[in-house]
């Protein structure tokens, strides 16, 4: 009996010990889970703080992480080819360790266009507005969303972002033509890319000398590629646009063929001027023509009538050696005040303020001439070229000035006297030095009188000649100005040129009649375009195309009236296709009306 009681006591003790161990284990497990949960909350709080440091916009970190894990990345693009494609992403991520963008796949991911391996032929899109340049291609890596469990916790960027490459932020021409103008109109293209969107530059350059100009596009500080490392190993952009519109570019730099105007320009001077006006407002600059519209004070009127010429002064390369003499000659010839501006010595806004009311801008060929986009309508752009450099081969600023709606008069002058030039063969190659070349090549360049057409970007003969200093021959310079000014069109400073196109002609009709077995007549009539009755148009004509069905050629006619009877080359018992459209002021074409099928 005692043994039985003792055994029972041992069983109860063991049971109690077991229960105690279980309770302690459960408490420890719960504590461990609570600690783990607390650690996760702490980590989420830390990552949220990092996102908040990046942007003032608030973000629920847990919701953003869950959205990425469940839905992955989503992409929808516009454009058929990589050269005209811009893509919108939800939750596109960037791994700073691998320096790669990452697309996370889940069952809810969207990828349009879904190109498969064609995405690498050669790229999904161009990050820059410079077309099809192999240093500007964009693509991404792909991973299942499940791999996020094994990766560093992402930092989320709550801002709407525009991700792009600057092409050459050290050069003012490239800054405006390749970056600012395309970015400005890309942001206009999408309503959520507003003043609070953030620009992200992925080309790897530092800020550069013109970074303040990029800041004008948005109220938020742009981010550089090197700065992305500061926010963690994995950054995810909650909403981003990648790529730039190319619609505003007018020049190609000679990577495939010698440099020159783009073949199919899609921009006019009106869009350039709207962009210039927006930037001037950001810089708190008011153009004189705006004062005219608003009705300024007597002091404003005096300032308005004070016409003057601006000369760009360079202090290191491509110098005008007799700058003072040139300034005096301009002042005497045009009886105007002449002022100099310098990128090295003055702030950019102060230069724009001066140029925005100038009557004439004179400068050696160089990036500073892009500031001519701030000139008022009717102003003159005078570009000087060193010895052996043909103005017809280097025309970015001539092309800009000649855009419809820019209303600028462009003049070029070229130094034709070799004795009026100073060369610098011993400088570094990028500043025109040729000492590193073979002696025969040096002699060939020195004896050449005209730089041949060439591709970008390191042609030693071009660099040698373009970095020369020039003594401007004043008599020939003034003669060129006087001759070219005779052909200067009359621009109205306050009124942009009208570019309103006609609409379709209305109610086109045809009637036919057979005269004999060999003769027939075709009468075509129509009503004027609807918008014509609201416009004051100097000249209205109509273009008619007549094509025999089954033939490849057509007969074109330009007519002043709204009906006409055709008999020449019109055959009996034949079907003709007829198109009609309106023409304003010789070159403003309207759309064709629906084709008429006329049976004689």
Protein backbone atom coordinates (compact mmCIF):
# COMPACT_ATOMS: atom_id res chain seq x y z
CA UNK A 1 0.00 0.00 0.00
CA UNK A 2 2.81 2.40 0.89
CA UNK A 3 4.55 1.60 -2.38
CA UNK A 4 1.38 2.39 -4.24
CA UNK A 5 0.99 5.76 -2.51
CA UNK A 6 4.63 6.63 -3.18
CA UNK A 7 4.17 5.78 -6.86
CA UNK A 8 1.10 7.93 -7.01
CA UNK A 9 2.97 10.82 -5.40
CA UNK A 10 5.75 10.49 -8.02
CA UNK A 11 3.21 10.46 -10.85
CA UNK A 12 1.55 13.63 -9.54
CA UNK A 13 4.95 15.30 -9.16
CA UNK A 14 5.96 14.38 -12.67
CA UNK A 15 2.63 15.63 -13.96
CA UNK A 16 3.04 18.94 -12.15
CA UNK A 17 6.59 19.29 -13.43
CA UNK A 18 5.38 18.55 -16.94
CA UNK A 19 2.61 21.08 -16.65
CA UNK A 20 5.04 23.67 -15.32
CA UNK A 21 7.46 23.06 -18.17
CA UNK A 22 4.62 23.33 -20.68
CA UNK A 23 3.39 26.57 -19.17
CA UNK A 24 6.90 28.02 -19.12
CA UNK A 25 7.49 26.87 -22.72
CA UNK A 26 4.20 28.41 -23.80
CA UNK A 27 5.07 31.65 -22.06
CA UNK A 28 8.52 31.64 -23.64
CA UNK A 29 7.02 30.90 -27.08
CA UNK A 30 4.48 33.69 -26.67
CA UNK A 31 7.22 36.05 -25.46
CA UNK A 32 9.33 35.07 -28.45
CA UNK A 33 6.42 35.74 -30.82
CA UNK A 34 5.66 39.03 -29.12
CA UNK A 35 9.35 40.00 -29.36
CA UNK A 36 9.41 38.97 -33.02
CA UNK A 37 6.24 40.98 -33.69
CA UNK A 38 7.68 43.94 -31.82
CA UNK A 39 10.86 43.67 -33.88
CA UNK A 40 8.82 43.61 -37.09
CA UNK A 41 6.85 46.64 -35.96
CA UNK A 42 10.08 48.39 -35.03
CA UNK A 43 11.56 47.54 -38.43
CA UNK A 44 8.43 48.78 -40.22
CA UNK A 45 8.56 51.96 -38.15
CA UNK A 46 12.23 52.42 -39.09
CA UNK A 47 11.51 51.86 -42.80
CA UNK A 48 8.54 54.24 -42.59
CA UNK A 49 10.83 56.85 -41.04
CA UNK A 50 13.27 56.34 -43.92
CA UNK A 51 10.46 56.87 -46.42
CA UNK A 52 9.33 59.96 -44.51
CA UNK A 53 12.90 61.32 -44.58
CA UNK A 54 12.87 60.89 -48.35
CA UNK A 55 9.54 62.64 -48.79
CA UNK A 56 7.05 64.70 -46.82
CA UNK A 57 4.26 62.56 -48.28
CA UNK A 58 2.87 60.09 -45.73
CA UNK A 59 2.86 56.36 -46.36
CA UNK A 60 1.48 53.32 -44.53
CA UNK A 61 4.48 51.05 -44.74
CA UNK A 62 2.61 47.84 -43.94
CA UNK A 63 -0.03 48.53 -46.63
CA UNK A 64 2.65 49.38 -49.21
CA UNK A 65 4.65 46.22 -48.43
CA UNK A 66 1.53 44.06 -48.57
CA UNK A 67 0.56 45.62 -51.94
CA UNK A 68 4.01 44.86 -53.36
CA UNK A 69 3.99 41.27 -52.05
CA UNK A 70 0.46 40.51 -53.24
CA UNK A 71 0.22 42.49 -56.48
CA UNK A 72 3.85 42.79 -57.51
CA UNK A 73 4.91 45.40 -60.07
CA UNK A 74 2.55 46.76 -62.73
CA UNK A 75 3.60 48.43 -65.99
CA UNK A 76 1.61 50.06 -68.79
CA UNK A 77 3.45 51.86 -71.62
CA UNK A 78 2.64 54.19 -74.49
CA UNK A 79 4.52 54.09 -77.80
CA UNK A 80 5.19 51.28 -80.27
CA UNK A 81 8.99 51.33 -80.26
CA UNK A 82 11.67 51.85 -77.62
CA UNK A 83 12.43 55.21 -79.21
CA UNK A 84 8.96 56.64 -78.49
CA UNK A 85 7.98 54.68 -75.39
CA UNK A 86 7.17 56.06 -71.92
CA UNK A 87 6.09 53.60 -69.21
CA UNK A 88 4.10 54.05 -66.02
CA UNK A 89 4.95 51.68 -63.16
CA UNK A 90 3.35 50.86 -59.83
CA UNK A 91 5.95 49.53 -57.40
CA UNK A 92 9.00 49.52 -59.65
CA UNK A 93 11.97 48.81 -57.39
CA UNK A 94 15.66 49.65 -57.59
CA UNK A 95 18.41 47.53 -56.04
CA UNK A 96 21.30 49.89 -55.31
CA UNK A 97 23.65 46.96 -54.63
CA UNK A 98 23.13 45.48 -58.11
CA UNK A 99 22.42 48.90 -59.70
CA UNK A 100 19.39 47.36 -61.41
CA UNK A 101 15.68 48.06 -61.53
CA UNK A 102 13.53 45.08 -60.50
CA UNK A 103 10.09 44.01 -61.69
CA UNK A 104 8.43 41.74 -59.09
CA UNK A 105 6.03 39.20 -60.60
CA UNK A 106 2.88 38.02 -58.85
CA UNK A 107 -0.45 36.64 -60.08
CA UNK A 108 -1.70 40.24 -60.22
CA UNK A 109 1.24 41.73 -62.14
CA UNK A 110 0.60 43.58 -65.39
CA UNK A 111 3.21 44.12 -68.12
CA UNK A 112 2.02 45.94 -71.22
CA UNK A 113 3.52 45.62 -73.73
CA UNK A 114 4.55 42.08 -72.84
CA UNK A 115 7.46 41.82 -75.27
CA UNK A 116 9.23 38.76 -73.90
CA UNK A 117 12.82 38.63 -75.10
CA UNK A 118 12.10 41.41 -77.62
CA UNK A 119 12.42 43.75 -74.65
CA UNK A 120 16.18 43.42 -75.06
CA UNK A 121 16.27 44.26 -78.79
CA UNK A 122 17.79 46.62 -77.88
CA UNK A 123 15.80 47.94 -74.87
CA UNK A 124 12.38 48.62 -73.43
CA UNK A 125 12.85 52.38 -73.85
CA UNK A 126 15.28 55.29 -74.03
CA UNK A 127 15.87 56.99 -70.67
CA UNK A 128 17.03 60.14 -72.48
CA UNK A 129 15.42 62.23 -75.20
CA UNK A 130 18.46 61.47 -77.40
CA UNK A 131 17.15 58.75 -79.67
CA UNK A 132 18.50 55.20 -79.68
CA UNK A 133 21.80 55.94 -77.90
CA UNK A 134 23.25 52.78 -76.38
CA UNK A 135 24.24 54.54 -73.13
CA UNK A 136 20.63 55.62 -72.54
CA UNK A 137 18.77 52.30 -72.69
CA UNK A 138 16.41 51.21 -69.87
CA UNK A 139 15.49 47.69 -68.81
CA UNK A 140 14.82 45.79 -65.60
CA UNK A 141 15.47 42.44 -63.95
CA UNK A 142 12.56 40.15 -63.05
CA UNK A 143 11.94 38.26 -59.80
CA UNK A 144 8.98 36.47 -58.23
CA UNK A 145 7.33 38.57 -55.51
CA UNK A 146 7.93 35.65 -53.12
CA UNK A 147 11.66 36.44 -53.14
CA UNK A 148 10.94 39.63 -51.19
CA UNK A 149 11.02 37.42 -48.03
CA UNK A 150 14.73 36.87 -48.56
CA UNK A 151 15.67 40.39 -49.62
CA UNK A 152 16.40 43.55 -47.61
CA UNK A 153 13.27 45.39 -46.48
CA UNK A 154 12.32 47.92 -49.16
CA UNK A 155 12.10 51.66 -48.62
CA UNK A 156 9.06 53.08 -50.39
CA UNK A 157 9.11 56.38 -52.28
CA UNK A 158 5.59 57.80 -51.89
CA UNK A 159 6.13 60.64 -54.41
CA UNK A 160 5.11 60.34 -58.03
CA UNK A 161 8.47 60.20 -59.79
CA UNK A 162 9.81 60.82 -63.28
CA UNK A 163 12.85 58.60 -63.88
CA UNK A 164 15.18 59.72 -66.66
CA UNK A 165 18.75 60.30 -67.79
CA UNK A 166 20.27 63.72 -68.32
CA UNK A 167 22.32 63.54 -71.50
CA UNK A 168 25.11 66.01 -70.71
CA UNK A 169 24.34 68.24 -67.70
CA UNK A 170 27.63 70.16 -68.07
CA UNK A 171 26.56 71.71 -71.40
CA UNK A 172 23.82 74.34 -71.47
CA UNK A 173 22.57 73.40 -74.96
CA UNK A 174 22.14 69.77 -73.89
CA UNK A 175 20.53 70.81 -70.58
CA UNK A 176 17.76 72.70 -72.39
CA UNK A 177 17.34 70.71 -75.60
CA UNK A 178 17.78 67.17 -74.24
CA UNK A 179 16.56 67.45 -70.63
CA UNK A 180 14.52 70.47 -69.55
CA UNK A 181 12.24 70.87 -72.57
CA UNK A 182 11.48 67.12 -72.87
CA UNK A 183 10.96 66.77 -69.10
CA UNK A 184 8.68 69.83 -68.99
CA UNK A 185 6.40 68.51 -71.74
CA UNK A 186 6.52 64.91 -70.46
CA UNK A 187 5.22 66.29 -67.16
CA UNK A 188 2.48 68.12 -69.08
CA UNK A 189 1.52 64.85 -70.75
CA UNK A 190 0.55 63.13 -67.47
CA UNK A 191 -1.70 64.90 -64.97
CA UNK A 192 -0.09 63.39 -61.85
CA UNK A 193 3.38 64.58 -62.92
CA UNK A 194 2.75 68.00 -61.41
CA UNK A 195 4.87 70.49 -59.46
CA UNK A 196 5.07 67.99 -56.58
CA UNK A 197 6.50 65.17 -58.68
CA UNK A 198 10.11 64.20 -58.06
CA UNK A 199 12.73 63.83 -60.78
CA UNK A 200 15.19 60.94 -60.46
CA UNK A 201 18.35 61.11 -62.60
CA UNK A 202 19.87 57.69 -63.30
CA UNK A 203 22.78 58.47 -65.65
CA UNK A 204 25.32 58.69 -62.79
CA UNK A 205 26.52 62.30 -63.22
CA UNK A 206 26.97 64.66 -60.28
CA UNK A 207 24.82 67.77 -59.98
CA UNK A 208 26.81 69.74 -62.56
CA UNK A 209 26.96 73.53 -62.99
CA UNK A 210 23.31 73.96 -64.07
CA UNK A 211 21.49 71.92 -61.41
CA UNK A 212 19.44 74.92 -60.30
CA UNK A 213 17.71 74.86 -63.69
CA UNK A 214 16.49 71.30 -63.09
CA UNK A 215 15.12 72.42 -59.73
CA UNK A 216 12.77 74.80 -61.57
CA UNK A 217 10.71 71.88 -62.88
CA UNK A 218 9.46 70.70 -59.49
CA UNK A 219 9.08 71.88 -55.92
CA UNK A 220 10.93 68.75 -54.74
CA UNK A 221 14.66 68.24 -54.78
CA UNK A 222 15.73 65.97 -57.69
CA UNK A 223 17.46 62.74 -56.71
CA UNK A 224 20.75 61.54 -58.21
CA UNK A 225 21.62 57.87 -58.73
CA UNK A 226 24.41 58.04 -56.14
CA UNK A 227 21.96 59.32 -53.51
CA UNK A 228 19.69 56.28 -53.80
CA UNK A 229 22.21 54.22 -51.82
CA UNK A 230 21.55 56.42 -48.80
CA UNK A 231 17.98 55.15 -48.48
CA UNK A 232 18.62 51.42 -48.31
CA UNK A 233 19.51 48.51 -50.53
CA UNK A 234 16.04 48.23 -52.09
CA UNK A 235 13.96 51.27 -53.03
CA UNK A 236 10.46 50.90 -54.43
CA UNK A 237 8.76 53.75 -56.28
CA UNK A 238 5.03 53.52 -55.55
CA UNK A 239 4.19 55.33 -58.79
CA UNK A 240 6.74 56.27 -61.43
CA UNK A 241 7.02 57.28 -65.06
CA UNK A 242 10.13 56.18 -66.95
CA UNK A 243 11.44 57.82 -70.12
CA UNK A 244 11.09 61.18 -71.88
CA UNK A 245 9.01 62.54 -74.72
CA UNK A 246 11.07 63.35 -77.83
CA UNK A 247 8.43 65.60 -79.38
CA UNK A 248 10.23 68.85 -78.48
CA UNK A 249 13.69 68.03 -79.83
CA UNK A 250 14.71 69.65 -83.12
CA UNK A 251 18.35 68.58 -83.57
CA UNK A 252 20.38 65.38 -83.88
CA UNK A 253 24.06 65.39 -82.92
CA UNK A 254 25.57 63.22 -85.63
CA UNK A 255 25.89 59.76 -84.08
CA UNK A 256 24.66 57.99 -87.23
CA UNK A 257 24.92 60.74 -89.86
CA UNK A 258 26.51 64.21 -89.67
CA UNK A 259 24.72 66.53 -87.26
CA UNK A 260 21.76 68.58 -88.42
CA UNK A 261 18.04 69.28 -87.92
CA UNK A 262 15.85 66.27 -87.15
CA UNK A 263 14.08 64.92 -90.20
CA UNK A 264 10.57 65.05 -88.71
CA UNK A 265 10.33 67.89 -86.20
CA UNK A 266 7.14 67.87 -84.14
CA UNK A 267 7.64 71.12 -82.22
CA UNK A 268 7.00 74.73 -83.16
CA UNK A 269 8.30 77.96 -81.69
CA UNK A 270 5.00 78.44 -79.83
CA UNK A 271 5.71 75.44 -77.56
CA UNK A 272 9.31 76.62 -77.04
CA UNK A 273 8.04 80.06 -76.04
CA UNK A 274 5.48 78.62 -73.62
CA UNK A 275 8.28 76.66 -71.97
CA UNK A 276 10.52 79.76 -71.83
CA UNK A 277 7.69 81.78 -70.28
CA UNK A 278 7.12 79.12 -67.59
CA UNK A 279 10.83 79.06 -66.67
CA UNK A 280 10.97 82.85 -66.56
CA UNK A 281 8.03 82.89 -64.16
CA UNK A 282 9.89 80.42 -61.94
CA UNK A 283 12.89 82.80 -62.03
CA UNK A 284 10.63 85.83 -61.30
CA UNK A 285 11.41 87.45 -64.67
CA UNK A 286 8.77 89.42 -66.59
CA UNK A 287 9.21 89.86 -70.31
CA UNK A 288 8.73 93.37 -71.73
CA UNK A 289 5.95 92.21 -74.07
CA UNK A 290 4.03 91.11 -70.97
CA UNK A 291 4.38 94.66 -69.58
CA UNK A 292 2.97 95.93 -72.90
CA UNK A 293 -0.11 93.76 -72.51
CA UNK A 294 -0.68 94.74 -68.88
CA UNK A 295 -0.25 98.47 -69.52
CA UNK A 296 2.91 99.44 -67.64
CA UNK A 297 3.90 102.73 -66.02
CA UNK A 298 5.71 105.63 -67.74
CA UNK A 299 8.96 104.21 -66.38
CA UNK A 300 8.08 100.83 -67.91
CA UNK A 301 7.38 102.54 -71.24
CA UNK A 302 10.80 104.19 -71.17
CA UNK A 303 12.45 100.88 -70.42
CA UNK A 304 10.42 99.24 -73.19
CA UNK A 305 11.68 101.69 -75.82
CA UNK A 306 15.31 101.36 -74.69
CA UNK A 307 16.47 98.95 -77.38
CA UNK A 308 19.84 97.32 -76.90
CA UNK A 309 22.17 94.60 -78.18
CA UNK A 310 23.55 91.77 -76.03
CA UNK A 311 27.01 90.33 -76.73
CA UNK A 312 27.97 87.03 -75.08
CA UNK A 313 31.48 87.23 -73.65
CA UNK A 314 33.60 84.08 -73.19
CA UNK A 315 36.57 84.12 -70.83
CA UNK A 316 38.44 80.84 -71.46
CA UNK A 317 37.96 79.34 -74.93
CA UNK A 318 36.63 80.46 -78.33
CA UNK A 319 37.38 84.10 -77.52
CA UNK A 320 36.49 87.19 -79.52
CA UNK A 321 39.93 88.78 -79.41
CA UNK A 322 38.73 92.29 -80.33
CA UNK A 323 35.52 92.23 -78.30
CA UNK A 324 35.72 95.93 -77.32
CA UNK A 325 36.12 96.98 -80.96
CA UNK A 326 33.18 94.78 -81.97
CA UNK A 327 30.98 96.34 -79.28
CA UNK A 328 31.86 99.87 -80.43
CA UNK A 329 31.14 98.97 -84.06
CA UNK A 330 27.70 97.55 -83.16
CA UNK A 331 26.82 100.60 -81.07
CA UNK A 332 27.80 103.01 -83.87
CA UNK A 333 26.16 101.02 -86.67
CA UNK A 334 22.81 100.48 -84.96
CA UNK A 335 22.81 103.50 -82.63
CA UNK A 336 21.98 101.27 -79.68
CA UNK A 337 23.35 100.50 -76.27
CA UNK A 338 25.45 97.31 -76.24
CA UNK A 339 25.80 95.18 -73.08
CA UNK A 340 27.85 92.07 -72.43
CA UNK A 341 26.79 89.00 -70.49
CA UNK A 342 28.91 86.11 -69.25
CA UNK A 343 27.99 82.67 -67.93
CA UNK A 344 31.19 82.67 -65.90
CA UNK A 345 30.53 85.97 -64.12
CA UNK A 346 26.74 86.35 -63.86
CA UNK A 347 23.80 84.37 -62.52
CA UNK A 348 21.69 82.64 -65.13
CA UNK A 349 18.46 84.50 -64.18
CA UNK A 350 20.22 87.86 -64.59
CA UNK A 351 21.40 86.81 -68.08
CA UNK A 352 17.90 85.68 -69.06
CA UNK A 353 16.47 88.97 -67.76
CA UNK A 354 18.84 90.87 -70.06
CA UNK A 355 18.29 88.65 -73.11
CA UNK A 356 14.50 88.58 -72.74
CA UNK A 357 14.21 92.22 -73.86
CA UNK A 358 17.16 92.44 -76.27
CA UNK A 359 16.87 93.53 -79.89
CA UNK A 360 19.89 91.48 -80.99
CA UNK A 361 22.02 88.69 -79.50
CA UNK A 362 25.61 88.28 -80.76
CA UNK A 363 27.78 85.31 -79.79
CA UNK A 364 30.46 82.92 -80.94
CA UNK A 365 29.11 79.44 -81.76
CA UNK A 366 28.56 77.66 -78.45
CA UNK A 367 26.08 76.26 -75.97
CA UNK A 368 25.30 79.73 -74.55
CA UNK A 369 23.31 80.48 -77.74
CA UNK A 370 20.50 78.22 -76.48
CA UNK A 371 19.48 81.28 -74.45
CA UNK A 372 18.12 82.73 -77.71
CA UNK A 373 14.90 80.87 -76.87
CA UNK A 374 14.31 83.66 -74.30
CA UNK A 375 14.60 86.45 -76.90
CA UNK A 376 11.47 88.48 -77.71
CA UNK A 377 9.74 88.04 -81.06
CA UNK A 378 11.41 90.02 -83.83
CA UNK A 379 14.89 89.86 -82.28
CA UNK A 380 18.01 89.01 -84.30
CA UNK A 381 20.40 86.14 -83.52
CA UNK A 382 23.96 86.62 -84.83
CA UNK A 383 26.23 83.56 -84.61
CA UNK A 384 29.98 83.89 -85.23
CA UNK A 385 32.05 80.96 -86.54
CA UNK A 386 35.84 80.50 -86.36
CA UNK A 387 38.09 79.95 -89.38
CA UNK A 388 37.46 76.77 -91.43
CA UNK A 389 34.13 76.04 -89.68
CA UNK A 390 31.21 76.05 -92.14
CA UNK A 391 28.04 77.56 -90.60
CA UNK A 392 25.84 75.39 -92.84
CA UNK A 393 27.12 72.23 -91.13
CA UNK A 394 26.43 73.26 -87.50
CA UNK A 395 22.91 74.62 -87.21
CA UNK A 396 21.27 73.91 -83.81
CA UNK A 397 20.61 77.60 -83.16
CA UNK A 398 19.70 78.46 -86.75
CA UNK A 399 17.17 75.61 -86.62
CA UNK A 400 15.76 76.89 -83.32
CA UNK A 401 15.46 80.47 -84.60
CA UNK A 402 13.75 79.23 -87.78
CA UNK A 403 11.01 77.18 -86.09
CA UNK A 404 7.55 78.48 -87.03
CA UNK A 405 6.38 80.76 -84.24
CA UNK A 406 9.83 81.58 -82.85
CA UNK A 407 9.80 84.73 -85.03
CA UNK A 408 13.57 85.30 -84.79
CA UNK A 409 15.86 86.46 -87.60
CA UNK A 410 19.07 84.41 -87.81
CA UNK A 411 22.40 85.63 -89.28
CA UNK A 412 25.75 83.83 -89.37
CA UNK A 413 29.21 85.29 -89.91
CA UNK A 414 32.31 83.21 -90.66
CA UNK A 415 35.95 84.16 -90.25
CA UNK A 416 37.55 83.63 -93.68
CA UNK A 417 40.98 85.05 -92.82
CA UNK A 418 43.40 82.51 -91.37
CA UNK A 419 45.66 85.29 -90.08
CA UNK A 420 42.79 86.43 -87.83
CA UNK A 421 42.79 83.25 -85.79
CA UNK A 422 44.79 81.88 -82.86
CA UNK A 423 44.96 78.09 -82.54
CA UNK A 424 45.87 76.02 -79.47
CA UNK A 425 47.49 72.77 -80.65
CA UNK A 426 49.07 72.05 -77.25
CA UNK A 427 45.84 72.04 -75.26
CA UNK A 428 44.19 68.76 -74.13
CA UNK A 429 42.44 66.95 -76.99
CA UNK A 430 38.96 67.75 -75.63
CA UNK A 431 39.78 71.48 -75.99
CA UNK A 432 41.11 71.13 -79.53
CA UNK A 433 44.68 70.06 -78.91
CA UNK A 434 46.35 67.99 -81.64
CA UNK A 435 49.84 67.44 -80.17
CA UNK A 436 48.92 63.81 -79.38
CA UNK A 437 48.35 63.02 -83.08
CA UNK A 438 50.87 61.72 -85.63
CA UNK A 439 52.89 64.53 -87.23
CA UNK A 440 51.37 63.92 -90.68
CA UNK A 441 47.85 64.19 -89.24
CA UNK A 442 48.77 67.41 -87.44
CA UNK A 443 50.12 68.90 -90.68
CA UNK A 444 47.00 67.85 -92.58
CA UNK A 445 44.72 69.55 -90.03
CA UNK A 446 46.84 72.72 -89.97
CA UNK A 447 46.74 73.01 -93.77
CA UNK A 448 42.99 72.33 -94.08
CA UNK A 449 40.79 75.33 -94.91
CA UNK A 450 37.41 73.69 -94.27
CA UNK A 451 36.40 71.07 -91.70
CA UNK A 452 34.75 68.22 -93.66
CA UNK A 453 31.40 66.84 -92.52
CA UNK A 454 31.91 64.30 -89.75
CA UNK A 455 30.21 62.20 -87.10
CA UNK A 456 30.06 63.00 -83.41
CA UNK A 457 31.91 63.44 -81.17
CA UNK A 458 35.73 63.36 -81.12
CA UNK A 459 36.73 64.49 -84.57
CA UNK A 460 40.13 66.17 -83.91
CA UNK A 461 39.91 68.59 -86.84
CA UNK A 462 36.50 69.88 -85.70
CA UNK A 463 37.70 70.27 -82.08
CA UNK A 464 40.90 72.02 -83.19
CA UNK A 465 39.03 74.57 -85.27
CA UNK A 466 36.02 75.19 -83.04
CA UNK A 467 38.26 76.04 -80.06
CA UNK A 468 40.20 78.73 -81.95
CA UNK A 469 40.16 82.35 -80.77
CA UNK A 470 39.01 84.83 -83.42
CA UNK A 471 39.84 88.39 -84.36
CA UNK A 472 36.55 89.49 -85.93
CA UNK A 473 37.02 91.40 -89.19
CA UNK A 474 34.74 94.34 -88.42
CA UNK A 475 34.09 95.55 -92.04
CA UNK A 476 33.05 92.09 -93.28
CA UNK A 477 31.01 91.48 -90.10
CA UNK A 478 29.04 94.73 -90.51
CA UNK A 479 28.56 94.07 -94.22
CA UNK A 480 27.02 90.65 -93.50
CA UNK A 481 24.71 92.20 -90.89
CA UNK A 482 23.57 95.01 -93.16
CA UNK A 483 22.90 92.69 -96.10
CA UNK A 484 20.99 90.15 -94.01
CA UNK A 485 18.99 92.80 -92.19
CA UNK A 486 17.56 93.87 -95.58
CA UNK A 487 15.74 90.53 -95.75
CA UNK A 488 14.56 90.60 -92.12
CA UNK A 489 10.81 89.91 -92.05
CA UNK A 490 8.48 92.20 -90.13
CA UNK A 491 7.60 90.43 -86.89
CA UNK A 492 4.95 91.80 -84.57
CA UNK A 493 6.41 91.45 -81.10
CA UNK A 494 3.13 91.11 -79.25
CA UNK A 495 1.27 88.83 -81.67
CA UNK A 496 2.47 85.32 -82.44
CA UNK A 497 2.10 84.16 -86.02
CA UNK A 498 -1.24 82.50 -86.73
CA UNK A 499 -0.96 78.80 -87.49
CA UNK A 500 -4.67 77.91 -87.51
CA UNK A 501 -5.31 75.16 -90.06
CA UNK A 502 -8.51 74.85 -92.08
CA UNK A 503 -11.07 72.19 -91.26
CA UNK A 504 -12.58 69.71 -93.71
CA UNK A 505 -14.56 71.08 -96.61
CA UNK A 506 -18.25 70.25 -96.11
CA UNK A 507 -20.79 68.48 -98.28
CA UNK A 508 -18.49 67.47 -101.15
CA UNK A 509 -20.45 66.26 -104.18
CA UNK A 510 -19.77 65.19 -107.74
CA UNK A 511 -21.90 65.12 -110.90
CA UNK A 512 -20.98 63.53 -114.19
CA UNK A 513 -22.17 63.61 -117.73
CA UNK A 514 -21.15 61.81 -120.92
CA UNK A 515 -20.87 64.09 -123.97
CA UNK A 516 -19.83 61.59 -126.63
CA UNK A 517 -18.30 58.13 -126.72
CA UNK A 518 -14.92 59.80 -126.10
CA UNK A 519 -15.85 62.80 -123.96
CA UNK A 520 -17.18 63.19 -120.41
CA UNK A 521 -17.41 65.86 -117.75
CA UNK A 522 -16.91 65.64 -113.99
CA UNK A 523 -18.21 68.48 -111.79
CA UNK A 524 -17.05 68.65 -108.14
CA UNK A 525 -18.49 71.09 -105.57
CA UNK A 526 -18.26 71.62 -101.81
CA UNK A 527 -18.97 74.05 -98.97
CA UNK A 528 -16.32 76.00 -97.06
CA UNK A 529 -14.79 74.54 -93.87
CA UNK A 530 -16.81 75.32 -90.75
CA UNK A 531 -14.00 77.28 -89.02
CA UNK A 532 -13.40 79.57 -92.03
CA UNK A 533 -16.38 81.79 -91.20
CA UNK A 534 -14.73 82.73 -87.88
CA UNK A 535 -11.28 83.51 -89.28
CA UNK A 536 -9.70 86.42 -91.11
CA UNK A 537 -7.65 84.62 -93.75
CA UNK A 538 -5.76 86.45 -96.49
CA UNK A 539 -5.99 83.70 -99.11
CA UNK A 540 -8.15 80.59 -99.46
CA UNK A 541 -7.67 77.95 -102.14
CA UNK A 542 -8.72 74.34 -102.62
CA UNK A 543 -6.73 71.29 -103.63
CA UNK A 544 -8.48 68.57 -105.65
CA UNK A 545 -7.02 65.15 -106.48
CA UNK A 546 -8.63 63.01 -109.19
CA UNK A 547 -7.57 59.39 -109.61
CA UNK A 548 -8.92 56.84 -112.03
CA UNK A 549 -9.91 53.73 -110.09
CA UNK A 550 -7.25 51.05 -110.39
CA UNK A 551 -4.47 53.50 -111.34
CA UNK A 552 -1.53 54.50 -109.12
CA UNK A 553 -1.25 58.14 -110.19
CA UNK A 554 -3.60 61.08 -109.69
CA UNK A 555 -4.15 64.52 -111.22
CA UNK A 556 -3.75 67.40 -108.71
CA UNK A 557 -5.45 70.80 -109.12
CA UNK A 558 -5.27 74.04 -107.09
CA UNK A 559 -8.51 76.00 -107.46
CA UNK A 560 -9.74 79.37 -106.14
CA UNK A 561 -13.47 78.48 -106.28
CA UNK A 562 -15.76 75.94 -104.56
CA UNK A 563 -16.87 74.10 -107.69
CA UNK A 564 -15.24 73.18 -110.93
CA UNK A 565 -16.02 71.12 -114.00
CA UNK A 566 -13.23 68.89 -115.29
CA UNK A 567 -13.26 67.61 -118.87
CA UNK A 568 -9.61 67.11 -119.80
CA UNK A 569 -8.53 63.46 -119.38
CA UNK A 570 -12.02 62.50 -118.12
CA UNK A 571 -13.22 59.33 -119.87
CA UNK A 572 -16.78 58.04 -120.24
CA UNK A 573 -17.98 55.01 -118.30
CA UNK A 574 -15.11 55.24 -115.80
CA UNK A 575 -15.04 55.49 -112.01
CA UNK A 576 -12.93 58.27 -110.47
CA UNK A 577 -11.84 58.76 -106.86
CA UNK A 578 -11.90 62.44 -105.83
CA UNK A 579 -10.34 64.11 -102.76
CA UNK A 580 -10.84 67.77 -101.77
CA UNK A 581 -9.17 69.89 -99.09
CA UNK A 582 -8.73 73.57 -98.17
CA UNK A 583 -5.49 75.61 -98.06
CA UNK A 584 -5.05 78.80 -95.98
CA UNK A 585 -2.37 81.37 -96.82
CA UNK A 586 -0.52 79.14 -99.31
CA UNK A 587 0.84 76.52 -96.88
CA UNK A 588 -1.67 75.77 -94.08
CA UNK A 589 -3.31 72.55 -95.27
CA UNK A 590 -6.55 71.09 -93.97
CA UNK A 591 -7.58 67.41 -93.92
CA UNK A 592 -9.12 65.82 -96.98
CA UNK A 593 -12.87 65.28 -96.95
CA UNK A 594 -14.10 61.72 -97.34
CA UNK A 595 -13.23 60.37 -100.77
CA UNK A 596 -15.89 60.68 -103.48
CA UNK A 597 -16.51 57.84 -105.94
CA UNK A 598 -17.76 59.36 -109.18
CA UNK A 599 -18.93 57.26 -112.13
CA UNK A 600 -19.14 58.97 -115.52
